C-alpha cells in the first residue's frame, strides 16, 4: 500500500495565496534594495538577501506554487543587485545569468527584468574584456623612484 504525499499538499487556492506572498516578498525586497543603495547599508542588503531567498525558495517549489506563474526573472535580478551591492561579483553574475535565462510570462513576470539582466551581463562582459586588454606597465613612473638599483645593473627602470 503506497502512501504518496508532497511537501505541502496545497490546494490551488493555497498555491495562489503563496504566489501572493512571493509577490509581497519581491516588493519588500525592492524597497530594501533601494534603501540599501541610498544609505550604503550592508544590514539592508542582508535583509533583502534573506527576503529574496525566501521568495525564490517558494517560487521554485512546485508543491508550494506554480513556478510558471512566479516572478522568477525579477527574483534573480534582485538577487543579482543585492549580491553586487555586497561585493559578491561571481555570485551576482550567476544570479543575473539565471534571470536572463528565465522564461517569463507577460501577466506574471514581464520581460523587462529578463532584458535588464541580459543588458547587465552584456555590459559586464564588455568591461571585463576591456580590463583584460588594458596594457599596464610593470612599474609606474611615480613608483620607479622607490626601487633601488642593484650594483652593476644600471638604473632601476631599465630592469623592467
C-alpha atoms as a PDB file:
ATOM      1  CA  UNK A   1       0.000   0.000   0.000  1.00  0.00           C
ATOM      2  CA  UNK A   2       1.706   3.134  -1.235  1.00  0.00           C
ATOM      3  CA  UNK A   3       1.173   6.353   0.593  1.00  0.00           C
ATOM      4  CA  UNK A   4       2.069   9.304  -1.593  1.00  0.00           C
ATOM      5  CA  UNK A   5       2.285  12.810  -0.268  1.00  0.00           C
ATOM      6  CA  UNK A   6       4.013  16.010  -1.309  1.00  0.00           C
ATOM      7  CA  UNK A   7       5.777  18.537   0.852  1.00  0.00           C
ATOM      8  CA  UNK A   8       2.768  20.810   1.198  1.00  0.00           C
ATOM      9  CA  UNK A   9      -0.303  19.161  -0.338  1.00  0.00           C
ATOM     10  CA  UNK A  10      -1.680  22.629  -1.057  1.00  0.00           C
ATOM     11  CA  UNK A  11      -4.897  23.274  -2.922  1.00  0.00           C
ATOM     12  CA  UNK A  12      -4.988  25.542  -5.968  1.00  0.00           C
ATOM     13  CA  UNK A  13      -6.303  28.384  -3.779  1.00  0.00           C
ATOM     14  CA  UNK A  14      -3.470  27.912  -1.282  1.00  0.00           C
ATOM     15  CA  UNK A  15      -0.916  27.888  -4.103  1.00  0.00           C
ATOM     16  CA  UNK A  16      -2.426  31.126  -5.370  1.00  0.00           C
ATOM     17  CA  UNK A  17      -2.067  32.624  -1.875  1.00  0.00           C
ATOM     18  CA  UNK A  18       1.586  31.525  -1.852  1.00  0.00           C
ATOM     19  CA  UNK A  19       2.055  33.345  -5.141  1.00  0.00           C
ATOM     20  CA  UNK A  20       0.711  36.474  -3.427  1.00  0.00           C
ATOM     21  CA  UNK A  21       3.239  36.007  -0.624  1.00  0.00           C
ATOM     22  CA  UNK A  22       6.041  35.700  -3.192  1.00  0.00           C
ATOM     23  CA  UNK A  23       4.958  38.957  -4.814  1.00  0.00           C
ATOM     24  CA  UNK A  24       4.886  40.685  -1.401  1.00  0.00           C
ATOM     25  CA  UNK A  25       8.394  39.420  -0.669  1.00  0.00           C
ATOM     26  CA  UNK A  26       9.616  40.700  -4.037  1.00  0.00           C
ATOM     27  CA  UNK A  27       8.047  44.140  -3.458  1.00  0.00           C
ATOM     28  CA  UNK A  28       9.560  44.335   0.022  1.00  0.00           C
ATOM     29  CA  UNK A  29      12.924  43.311  -1.368  1.00  0.00           C
ATOM     30  CA  UNK A  30      12.772  46.082  -3.947  1.00  0.00           C
ATOM     31  CA  UNK A  31      12.217  48.629  -1.165  1.00  0.00           C
ATOM     32  CA  UNK A  32      15.092  47.166   0.868  1.00  0.00           C
ATOM     33  CA  UNK A  33      17.434  47.352  -2.136  1.00  0.00           C
ATOM     34  CA  UNK A  34      16.532  50.997  -2.690  1.00  0.00           C
ATOM     35  CA  UNK A  35      17.169  51.806   0.976  1.00  0.00           C
ATOM     36  CA  UNK A  36      20.429  49.829   0.995  1.00  0.00           C
ATOM     37  CA  UNK A  37      21.691  51.711  -2.072  1.00  0.00           C
ATOM     38  CA  UNK A  38      20.680  55.075  -0.632  1.00  0.00           C
ATOM     39  CA  UNK A  39      22.290  54.576   2.776  1.00  0.00           C
ATOM     40  CA  UNK A  40      25.054  52.120   1.732  1.00  0.00           C
ATOM     41  CA  UNK A  41      23.717  49.733   4.360  1.00  0.00           C
ATOM     42  CA  UNK A  42      25.083  46.168   4.494  1.00  0.00           C
ATOM     43  CA  UNK A  43      22.347  45.316   7.002  1.00  0.00           C
ATOM     44  CA  UNK A  44      19.632  46.249   4.490  1.00  0.00           C
ATOM     45  CA  UNK A  45      21.384  44.196   1.806  1.00  0.00           C
ATOM     46  CA  UNK A  46      21.499  41.207   4.167  1.00  0.00           C
ATOM     47  CA  UNK A  47      17.804  41.602   4.984  1.00  0.00           C
ATOM     48  CA  UNK A  48      16.984  41.925   1.271  1.00  0.00           C
ATOM     49  CA  UNK A  49      19.001  38.784   0.508  1.00  0.00           C
ATOM     50  CA  UNK A  50      17.107  36.848   3.157  1.00  0.00           C
ATOM     51  CA  UNK A  51      13.787  38.064   1.768  1.00  0.00           C
ATOM     52  CA  UNK A  52      14.574  37.267  -1.862  1.00  0.00           C
ATOM     53  CA  UNK A  53      15.964  33.844  -0.938  1.00  0.00           C
ATOM     54  CA  UNK A  54      12.674  33.071   0.789  1.00  0.00           C
ATOM     55  CA  UNK A  55      10.772  34.225  -2.298  1.00  0.00           C
ATOM     56  CA  UNK A  56      12.976  32.043  -4.519  1.00  0.00           C
ATOM     57  CA  UNK A  57      12.512  29.037  -2.244  1.00  0.00           C
ATOM     58  CA  UNK A  58       8.745  29.346  -2.545  1.00  0.00           C
ATOM     59  CA  UNK A  59       8.788  30.263  -6.244  1.00  0.00           C
ATOM     60  CA  UNK A  60      10.884  27.291  -7.322  1.00  0.00           C
ATOM     61  CA  UNK A  61       8.968  24.702  -5.276  1.00  0.00           C
ATOM     62  CA  UNK A  62       6.270  23.168  -7.460  1.00  0.00           C
ATOM     63  CA  UNK A  63       4.477  21.961  -4.329  1.00  0.00           C
ATOM     64  CA  UNK A  64       4.210  25.486  -2.926  1.00  0.00           C
ATOM     65  CA  UNK A  65       3.093  27.308  -6.074  1.00  0.00           C
ATOM     66  CA  UNK A  66       3.046  27.062  -9.837  1.00  0.00           C
ATOM     67  CA  UNK A  67       6.619  28.083 -10.828  1.00  0.00           C
ATOM     68  CA  UNK A  68       5.418  29.124 -14.270  1.00  0.00           C
ATOM     69  CA  UNK A  69       3.399  31.885 -12.595  1.00  0.00           C
ATOM     70  CA  UNK A  70       6.112  33.030 -10.179  1.00  0.00           C
ATOM     71  CA  UNK A  71       8.187  36.163 -10.962  1.00  0.00           C
ATOM     72  CA  UNK A  72      11.472  34.244 -11.204  1.00  0.00           C
ATOM     73  CA  UNK A  73      13.271  36.700 -13.505  1.00  0.00           C
ATOM     74  CA  UNK A  74      12.566  39.536 -11.077  1.00  0.00           C
ATOM     75  CA  UNK A  75      13.702  37.432  -8.124  1.00  0.00           C
ATOM     76  CA  UNK A  76      17.007  36.538  -9.752  1.00  0.00           C
ATOM     77  CA  UNK A  77      17.530  40.115 -10.984  1.00  0.00           C
ATOM     78  CA  UNK A  78      17.024  41.475  -7.463  1.00  0.00           C
ATOM     79  CA  UNK A  79      19.305  38.784  -6.059  1.00  0.00           C
ATOM     80  CA  UNK A  80      21.992  39.897  -8.522  1.00  0.00           C
ATOM     81  CA  UNK A  81      21.583  43.539  -7.420  1.00  0.00           C
ATOM     82  CA  UNK A  82      21.884  42.518  -3.765  1.00  0.00           C
ATOM     83  CA  UNK A  83      24.952  40.326  -4.292  1.00  0.00           C
ATOM     84  CA  UNK A  84      26.617  43.051  -6.333  1.00  0.00           C
ATOM     85  CA  UNK A  85      25.915  45.507  -3.508  1.00  0.00           C
ATOM     86  CA  UNK A  86      27.569  43.047  -1.115  1.00  0.00           C
ATOM     87  CA  UNK A  87      30.594  42.878  -3.471  1.00  0.00           C
ATOM     88  CA  UNK A  88      29.969  39.211  -4.320  1.00  0.00           C
ATOM     89  CA  UNK A  89      30.541  39.654  -8.041  1.00  0.00           C
ATOM     90  CA  UNK A  90      30.788  35.993  -9.051  1.00  0.00           C
ATOM     91  CA  UNK A  91      27.509  35.141  -7.304  1.00  0.00           C
ATOM     92  CA  UNK A  92      25.878  38.282  -8.722  1.00  0.00           C
ATOM     93  CA  UNK A  93      26.909  37.281 -12.246  1.00  0.00           C
ATOM     94  CA  UNK A  94      25.378  33.841 -11.679  1.00  0.00           C
ATOM     95  CA  UNK A  95      22.103  35.377 -10.471  1.00  0.00           C
ATOM     96  CA  UNK A  96      21.974  37.741 -13.465  1.00  0.00           C
ATOM     97  CA  UNK A  97      22.611  34.782 -15.784  1.00  0.00           C
ATOM     98  CA  UNK A  98      19.674  32.908 -14.220  1.00  0.00           C
ATOM     99  CA  UNK A  99      17.464  35.975 -14.621  1.00  0.00           C
ATOM    100  CA  UNK A 100      18.470  36.310 -18.268  1.00  0.00           C
ATOM    101  CA  UNK A 101      17.743  32.625 -18.938  1.00  0.00           C
ATOM    102  CA  UNK A 102      14.354  32.591 -17.216  1.00  0.00           C
ATOM    103  CA  UNK A 103      11.231  32.140 -19.301  1.00  0.00           C
ATOM    104  CA  UNK A 104       8.831  34.947 -18.474  1.00  0.00           C
ATOM    105  CA  UNK A 105       5.071  35.167 -18.697  1.00  0.00           C
ATOM    106  CA  UNK A 106       3.657  38.565 -19.602  1.00  0.00           C
ATOM    107  CA  UNK A 107       0.950  38.549 -16.943  1.00  0.00           C
ATOM    108  CA  UNK A 108       3.159  37.412 -14.044  1.00  0.00           C
ATOM    109  CA  UNK A 109       6.706  38.500 -14.794  1.00  0.00           C
ATOM    110  CA  UNK A 110       7.182  40.989 -17.590  1.00  0.00           C
ATOM    111  CA  UNK A 111      10.136  40.590 -19.925  1.00  0.00           C
ATOM    112  CA  UNK A 112      11.734  43.770 -18.531  1.00  0.00           C
ATOM    113  CA  UNK A 113      13.644  42.019 -15.689  1.00  0.00           C
ATOM    114  CA  UNK A 114      14.983  39.373 -18.061  1.00  0.00           C
ATOM    115  CA  UNK A 115      16.014  42.027 -20.594  1.00  0.00           C
ATOM    116  CA  UNK A 116      17.618  44.123 -17.860  1.00  0.00           C
ATOM    117  CA  UNK A 117      19.654  41.110 -16.712  1.00  0.00           C
ATOM    118  CA  UNK A 118      20.769  40.488 -20.303  1.00  0.00           C
ATOM    119  CA  UNK A 119      21.808  44.150 -20.611  1.00  0.00           C
ATOM    120  CA  UNK A 120      23.781  43.958 -17.353  1.00  0.00           C
ATOM    121  CA  UNK A 121      25.563  40.784 -18.492  1.00  0.00           C
ATOM    122  CA  UNK A 122      26.479  42.329 -21.873  1.00  0.00           C
ATOM    123  CA  UNK A 123      27.907  45.396 -20.099  1.00  0.00           C
ATOM    124  CA  UNK A 124      29.674  43.185 -17.548  1.00  0.00           C
ATOM    125  CA  UNK A 125      31.301  41.079 -20.250  1.00  0.00           C
ATOM    126  CA  UNK A 126      32.403  44.160 -22.231  1.00  0.00           C
ATOM    127  CA  UNK A 127      34.016  45.787 -19.196  1.00  0.00           C
ATOM    128  CA  UNK A 128      35.778  42.551 -18.197  1.00  0.00           C
ATOM    129  CA  UNK A 129      37.196  42.142 -21.711  1.00  0.00           C
ATOM    130  CA  UNK A 130      38.352  45.757 -21.865  1.00  0.00           C
ATOM    131  CA  UNK A 131      40.040  45.465 -18.454  1.00  0.00           C
ATOM    132  CA  UNK A 132      41.878  42.344 -19.593  1.00  0.00           C
ATOM    133  CA  UNK A 133      43.050  44.093 -22.761  1.00  0.00           C
ATOM    134  CA  UNK A 134      44.463  47.120 -20.927  1.00  0.00           C
ATOM    135  CA  UNK A 135      48.226  47.291 -21.096  1.00  0.00           C
ATOM    136  CA  UNK A 136      49.670  48.338 -17.777  1.00  0.00           C
ATOM    137  CA  UNK A 137      53.356  48.986 -17.257  1.00  0.00           C
ATOM    138  CA  UNK A 138      55.018  46.784 -14.664  1.00  0.00           C
ATOM    139  CA  UNK A 139      56.362  49.865 -12.873  1.00  0.00           C
ATOM    140  CA  UNK A 140      54.595  53.206 -12.782  1.00  0.00           C
ATOM    141  CA  UNK A 141      56.809  56.279 -13.211  1.00  0.00           C
ATOM    142  CA  UNK A 142      55.899  57.509  -9.745  1.00  0.00           C
ATOM    143  CA  UNK A 143      56.960  54.173  -8.230  1.00  0.00           C
ATOM    144  CA  UNK A 144      60.294  53.914 -10.048  1.00  0.00           C
ATOM    145  CA  UNK A 145      61.995  56.305  -7.628  1.00  0.00           C
ATOM    146  CA  UNK A 146      61.399  53.846  -4.760  1.00  0.00           C
ATOM    147  CA  UNK A 147      63.176  50.973  -6.472  1.00  0.00           C
ATOM    148  CA  UNK A 148      66.814  50.676  -5.533  1.00  0.00           C
ATOM    149  CA  UNK A 149      69.275  49.831  -8.256  1.00  0.00           C
ATOM    150  CA  UNK A 150      71.457  46.783  -7.877  1.00  0.00           C
ATOM    151  CA  UNK A 151      75.191  47.297  -8.125  1.00  0.00           C
ATOM    152  CA  UNK A 152      76.321  46.972 -11.729  1.00  0.00           C
ATOM    153  CA  UNK A 153      72.791  46.582 -13.087  1.00  0.00           C
ATOM    154  CA  UNK A 154      72.096  50.171 -14.185  1.00  0.00           C
ATOM    155  CA  UNK A 155      69.057  52.282 -13.410  1.00  0.00           C
ATOM    156  CA  UNK A 156      66.000  50.743 -11.712  1.00  0.00           C
ATOM    157  CA  UNK A 157      63.727  51.441 -14.668  1.00  0.00           C
ATOM    158  CA  UNK A 158      65.991  49.586 -17.094  1.00  0.00           C
ATOM    159  CA  UNK A 159      65.405  46.334 -15.212  1.00  0.00           C
ATOM    160  CA  UNK A 160      61.779  46.207 -16.266  1.00  0.00           C
END
